[in-house]
Amino acid sequence: MLVRDLESSLLARFPRRDAEAWDHVGLSVGDPDAKVRGVLCSLDATLDSLHAACSLGCNVLLTHHPVYISAPDSFCPPSAERPSSSAVVYEAVRLGVSVISLHTNLDRSHEARASLPGLLGMEARSSLEYPSDPDATGLGSLCACDPITLGDLAVRLRDSFETAPTVWGDPKMTVSRPTFLGGSLGDFGELAVRAGADVVVTGEVGYHRAQDLSLRGMGVVALGHDRSEQPFCSILADACVSIGVPAEHVYVNPLPTQWWVPTQGDFA
């Protein structure tokens, strides 16, 4: 299988038409005619993930987040004076690693819709973007579950996503209509309100949006942008195998510790 064949098959499964107009999906750097020797699936295209791909014998780095949205002015070795994407593209060319990304087109897929609630044993009824059309691709997941307190839901999310979430709302409030949206919530909180959700689980949310939703009676749980989307890497890996890349040559890059929260005694 060639890199161009892999890209074509992935985009047939997660079409460009489902991506936002501003997004940058597909092959960003690499030789379309190179034979695929292995694929590392990673949330982000970083120097570390490139080197991890090489160490595993992979010449394709398949990511959720694009290496860039707008191309940097230059592609040079690492420098604090340039965006990190400049060095990533430079290093990818030097190492012979092709970088393919599936971003908002993956976000709108049925696989992504099922992924996050599935970790809690919940089933998505429709997307948040198109709540009245369960068959349509769309962002987010609208679910229903047995009544549970916001506090207990937060604990389940903490354990399932292995993170310490930020929670807005009364921990004793009962919720039964959760909605999930990996990454940034943005303006989608209003869609959650209109869809009748009583708690929204997302990656990150601005202070004023979270406060407003909370004051209107909705619970808000922010897992961390990266934590909320790391499960999508398994979708990427499964897609590669189903396309025909041998399973023994497909890997998932563990999520690195990029940020942390100090606790008492950490620096004693």
Protein backbone atom coordinates (compact mmCIF):
# COMPACT_ATOMS: atom_id res chain seq x y z
CA MET A 1 0.00 0.00 0.00
CA LEU A 2 1.26 3.46 -0.91
CA VAL A 3 0.86 6.58 1.19
CA ARG A 4 -1.53 8.00 -1.41
CA ASP A 5 -3.67 4.83 -1.16
CA LEU A 6 -3.80 5.11 2.62
CA GLU A 7 -4.79 8.77 2.45
CA SER A 8 -7.44 8.10 -0.20
CA SER A 9 -8.99 5.26 1.80
CA LEU A 10 -9.01 7.27 5.01
CA LEU A 11 -10.64 10.24 3.29
CA ALA A 12 -13.25 7.92 1.77
CA ARG A 13 -14.15 6.88 5.29
CA PHE A 14 -13.84 10.36 6.83
CA PRO A 15 -14.67 12.69 3.89
CA ARG A 16 -13.17 16.11 3.39
CA ARG A 17 -16.69 17.48 2.99
CA ASP A 18 -17.29 16.80 6.70
CA ALA A 19 -14.32 18.98 7.71
CA GLU A 20 -14.67 22.64 8.59
CA ALA A 21 -13.76 25.01 5.75
CA TRP A 22 -10.80 26.36 7.73
CA ASP A 23 -9.42 22.93 8.57
CA HIS A 24 -6.33 21.27 7.10
CA VAL A 25 -6.87 17.54 6.65
CA GLY A 26 -5.21 14.81 4.63
CA LEU A 27 -1.53 14.58 3.70
CA SER A 28 0.45 17.61 4.90
CA VAL A 29 3.97 16.42 4.21
CA GLY A 30 5.56 13.33 2.68
CA ASP A 31 5.92 11.26 -0.48
CA PRO A 32 2.53 10.05 -1.77
CA ASP A 33 4.28 7.26 -3.68
CA ALA A 34 6.20 5.86 -0.71
CA LYS A 35 5.24 2.37 0.42
CA VAL A 36 3.62 2.32 3.87
CA ARG A 37 5.90 0.43 6.26
CA GLY A 38 4.01 1.25 9.44
CA VAL A 39 1.62 3.79 10.94
CA LEU A 40 1.80 5.51 14.31
CA CYS A 41 -1.52 7.07 15.35
CA SER A 42 -1.10 10.11 17.57
CA LEU A 43 -3.23 12.97 18.82
CA ASP A 44 -0.62 15.53 17.77
CA ALA A 45 2.19 15.86 15.27
CA THR A 46 5.19 16.78 17.42
CA LEU A 47 8.91 16.13 17.26
CA ASP A 48 8.48 13.46 19.92
CA SER A 49 5.75 11.68 17.98
CA LEU A 50 7.85 11.80 14.81
CA HIS A 51 10.79 10.23 16.59
CA ALA A 52 8.48 7.64 18.18
CA ALA A 53 7.24 6.71 14.71
CA CYS A 54 10.80 6.22 13.49
CA SER A 55 11.73 4.12 16.50
CA LEU A 56 8.82 1.80 15.70
CA GLY A 57 9.77 1.52 12.04
CA CYS A 58 6.80 3.62 10.89
CA ASN A 59 7.03 6.01 7.97
CA VAL A 60 3.51 7.42 8.44
CA LEU A 61 2.35 9.56 11.35
CA LEU A 62 -1.45 9.64 11.36
CA THR A 63 -2.77 12.37 13.65
CA HIS A 64 -6.04 13.87 14.76
CA HIS A 65 -4.75 17.44 15.07
CA PRO A 66 -3.15 18.79 11.89
CA VAL A 67 0.53 19.69 12.02
CA TYR A 68 -0.67 23.18 11.13
CA ILE A 69 -3.86 24.99 10.14
CA SER A 70 -2.07 27.82 8.37
CA ALA A 71 1.39 26.95 7.09
CA PRO A 72 4.29 28.65 8.90
CA ASP A 73 6.50 31.06 6.98
CA SER A 74 9.46 28.68 7.02
CA PHE A 75 10.38 25.06 7.73
CA CYS A 76 13.52 24.99 9.86
CA PRO A 77 15.16 23.12 12.75
CA PRO A 78 13.68 23.72 16.23
CA SER A 79 13.86 27.32 17.38
CA ALA A 80 12.03 29.31 20.04
CA GLU A 81 11.61 32.03 17.43
CA ARG A 82 9.44 29.88 15.15
CA PRO A 83 6.23 27.91 15.68
CA SER A 84 6.75 24.26 16.55
CA SER A 85 5.04 23.21 13.31
CA SER A 86 7.99 24.67 11.39
CA ALA A 87 10.35 22.17 12.99
CA VAL A 88 7.90 19.27 12.72
CA VAL A 89 7.59 19.62 8.95
CA TYR A 90 11.36 20.07 8.61
CA GLU A 91 12.01 16.94 10.67
CA ALA A 92 9.32 14.90 8.91
CA VAL A 93 10.98 15.58 5.56
CA ARG A 94 14.42 14.82 6.99
CA LEU A 95 13.24 11.52 8.46
CA GLY A 96 11.07 10.51 5.53
CA VAL A 97 7.87 10.37 7.58
CA SER A 98 4.57 11.28 5.92
CA VAL A 99 2.06 13.14 8.09
CA ILE A 100 -1.67 12.61 7.48
CA SER A 101 -4.33 14.26 9.65
CA LEU A 102 -8.05 13.66 10.13
CA HIS A 103 -9.47 16.45 12.25
CA THR A 104 -12.99 17.86 12.10
CA ASN A 105 -13.93 15.28 9.46
CA LEU A 106 -13.16 12.62 12.08
CA ASP A 107 -14.96 14.65 14.76
CA ARG A 108 -18.17 14.41 12.71
CA SER A 109 -17.96 10.65 12.19
CA HIS A 110 -20.27 8.09 13.76
CA GLU A 111 -17.19 6.45 15.27
CA ALA A 112 -16.22 9.63 17.12
CA ARG A 113 -19.81 10.13 18.22
CA ALA A 114 -19.85 6.72 19.88
CA SER A 115 -16.32 6.85 21.29
CA LEU A 116 -16.52 9.14 24.32
CA PRO A 117 -19.88 8.04 25.76
CA GLY A 118 -18.90 4.46 25.00
CA LEU A 119 -16.12 4.67 27.58
CA LEU A 120 -18.85 5.10 30.20
CA GLY A 121 -21.12 2.43 28.76
CA MET A 122 -23.47 5.02 27.25
CA GLU A 123 -24.89 5.06 23.75
CA ALA A 124 -25.18 8.15 21.58
CA ARG A 125 -28.66 8.78 20.17
CA SER A 126 -27.62 11.45 17.68
CA SER A 127 -25.04 14.14 17.15
CA LEU A 128 -25.29 17.42 19.02
CA GLU A 129 -25.09 19.28 15.73
CA TYR A 130 -28.09 17.50 14.17
CA PRO A 131 -30.14 16.15 17.09
CA SER A 132 -33.22 15.37 14.98
CA ASP A 133 -31.32 13.27 12.41
CA PRO A 134 -29.53 10.30 14.01
CA ASP A 135 -28.15 9.14 10.66
CA ALA A 136 -26.42 12.43 9.83
CA THR A 137 -22.76 12.93 10.59
CA GLY A 138 -22.24 15.78 13.04
CA LEU A 139 -20.26 17.07 15.97
CA GLY A 140 -20.90 15.88 19.50
CA SER A 141 -23.00 13.13 21.06
CA LEU A 142 -26.44 13.35 22.64
CA CYS A 143 -27.10 10.56 25.10
CA ALA A 144 -29.49 9.37 27.78
CA CYS A 145 -28.50 7.47 30.89
CA ASP A 146 -29.92 6.29 34.20
CA PRO A 147 -30.15 9.21 36.63
CA ILE A 148 -26.80 9.90 38.29
CA THR A 149 -25.47 12.75 40.37
CA LEU A 150 -23.07 15.16 38.72
CA GLY A 151 -20.52 14.24 41.37
CA ASP A 152 -20.73 10.52 40.60
CA LEU A 153 -20.56 11.21 36.87
CA ALA A 154 -17.44 13.30 37.41
CA VAL A 155 -15.82 10.42 39.29
CA ARG A 156 -16.64 8.00 36.47
CA LEU A 157 -15.18 10.43 33.96
CA ARG A 158 -12.06 10.89 36.07
CA ASP A 159 -11.50 7.13 36.16
CA SER A 160 -12.36 6.48 32.49
CA PHE A 161 -10.26 9.31 31.06
CA GLU A 162 -7.53 9.17 33.71
CA THR A 163 -7.64 12.88 34.40
CA ALA A 164 -8.78 15.33 37.05
CA PRO A 165 -11.70 17.14 35.41
CA THR A 166 -12.87 20.65 36.16
CA VAL A 167 -16.55 20.55 37.10
CA TRP A 168 -19.15 23.33 37.19
CA GLY A 169 -22.46 22.69 38.94
CA ASP A 170 -23.87 21.25 42.14
CA PRO A 171 -22.29 17.82 42.68
CA LYS A 172 -25.60 16.59 44.11
CA MET A 173 -27.67 17.57 41.07
CA THR A 174 -29.14 14.63 39.17
CA VAL A 175 -28.41 14.34 35.46
CA SER A 176 -29.72 11.89 32.86
CA ARG A 177 -29.25 13.64 29.50
CA PRO A 178 -25.50 14.06 29.00
CA THR A 179 -23.91 15.40 25.87
CA PHE A 180 -20.28 14.92 24.86
CA LEU A 181 -18.07 17.07 22.67
CA GLY A 182 -14.35 16.33 22.47
CA GLY A 183 -11.93 19.23 22.19
CA SER A 184 -13.24 22.77 22.65
CA LEU A 185 -16.89 23.46 23.50
CA GLY A 186 -16.98 26.87 21.84
CA ASP A 187 -20.55 27.92 21.05
CA PHE A 188 -21.91 24.40 21.21
CA GLY A 189 -23.14 24.91 24.77
CA GLU A 190 -26.17 26.66 23.31
CA LEU A 191 -26.90 23.66 21.11
CA ALA A 192 -26.74 21.48 24.21
CA VAL A 193 -29.27 23.72 25.96
CA ARG A 194 -31.65 23.63 23.00
CA ALA A 195 -31.31 19.85 22.75
CA GLY A 196 -32.39 19.45 26.38
CA ALA A 197 -29.07 18.23 27.78
CA ASP A 198 -28.50 18.67 31.50
CA VAL A 199 -24.72 18.20 31.51
CA VAL A 200 -22.07 18.73 28.86
CA VAL A 201 -18.77 16.83 28.91
CA THR A 202 -16.05 18.44 26.83
CA GLY A 203 -12.31 19.00 26.63
CA GLU A 204 -12.07 22.69 27.39
CA VAL A 205 -14.45 25.60 27.85
CA GLY A 206 -13.98 29.29 28.49
CA TYR A 207 -14.72 30.66 31.95
CA HIS A 208 -17.67 32.84 30.97
CA ARG A 209 -19.32 30.12 28.89
CA ALA A 210 -18.96 27.57 31.68
CA GLN A 211 -20.24 30.03 34.27
CA ASP A 212 -23.23 30.98 32.13
CA LEU A 213 -24.23 27.37 31.49
CA SER A 214 -23.84 26.52 35.16
CA LEU A 215 -25.97 29.47 36.27
CA ARG A 216 -28.66 28.26 33.87
CA GLY A 217 -28.71 24.87 35.58
CA MET A 218 -26.45 22.81 33.32
CA GLY A 219 -23.50 20.83 34.62
CA VAL A 220 -20.22 21.31 32.78
CA VAL A 221 -17.28 18.90 32.92
CA ALA A 222 -13.97 19.83 31.25
CA LEU A 223 -11.59 16.89 30.90
CA GLY A 224 -8.71 18.68 29.20
CA HIS A 225 -8.61 19.06 25.42
CA ASP A 226 -6.06 16.31 24.92
CA ARG A 227 -7.66 13.86 27.35
CA SER A 228 -11.04 14.22 25.69
CA GLU A 229 -9.69 13.37 22.23
CA GLN A 230 -7.01 10.76 22.91
CA PRO A 231 -9.63 7.99 22.41
CA PHE A 232 -9.89 9.11 18.78
CA CYS A 233 -6.43 7.63 18.18
CA SER A 234 -7.94 4.17 18.54
CA ILE A 235 -10.44 5.08 15.82
CA LEU A 236 -7.53 6.02 13.57
CA ALA A 237 -5.75 2.75 14.31
CA ASP A 238 -8.87 0.65 13.67
CA ALA A 239 -9.43 2.48 10.39
CA CYS A 240 -5.88 1.69 9.23
CA VAL A 241 -6.31 -2.00 9.99
CA SER A 242 -9.69 -2.17 8.25
CA ILE A 243 -8.15 -0.51 5.18
CA GLY A 244 -5.49 -3.19 4.98
CA VAL A 245 -2.46 -2.06 6.97
CA PRO A 246 -1.28 -5.13 8.93
CA ALA A 247 -2.29 -4.80 12.58
CA GLU A 248 1.27 -5.56 13.70
CA HIS A 249 2.41 -2.41 11.89
CA VAL A 250 -0.18 -0.06 13.41
CA TYR A 251 0.54 1.61 16.74
CA VAL A 252 -1.13 4.12 19.07
CA ASN A 253 1.09 6.76 20.63
CA PRO A 254 0.44 7.15 24.39
CA LEU A 255 -0.69 10.61 25.44
CA PRO A 256 2.29 12.48 26.91
CA THR A 257 2.09 14.50 30.10
CA GLN A 258 1.91 18.02 28.70
CA TRP A 259 0.33 19.80 31.66
CA TRP A 260 -0.09 18.97 35.32
CA VAL A 261 -1.76 20.09 38.52
CA PRO A 262 0.33 20.41 41.70
CA THR A 263 -0.88 18.68 44.83
CA GLN A 264 0.22 19.09 48.41
CA GLY A 265 3.73 17.76 48.96
CA ASP A 266 4.69 17.56 45.28
CA PHE A 267 7.68 19.85 45.65
CA ALA A 268 8.60 19.20 49.28
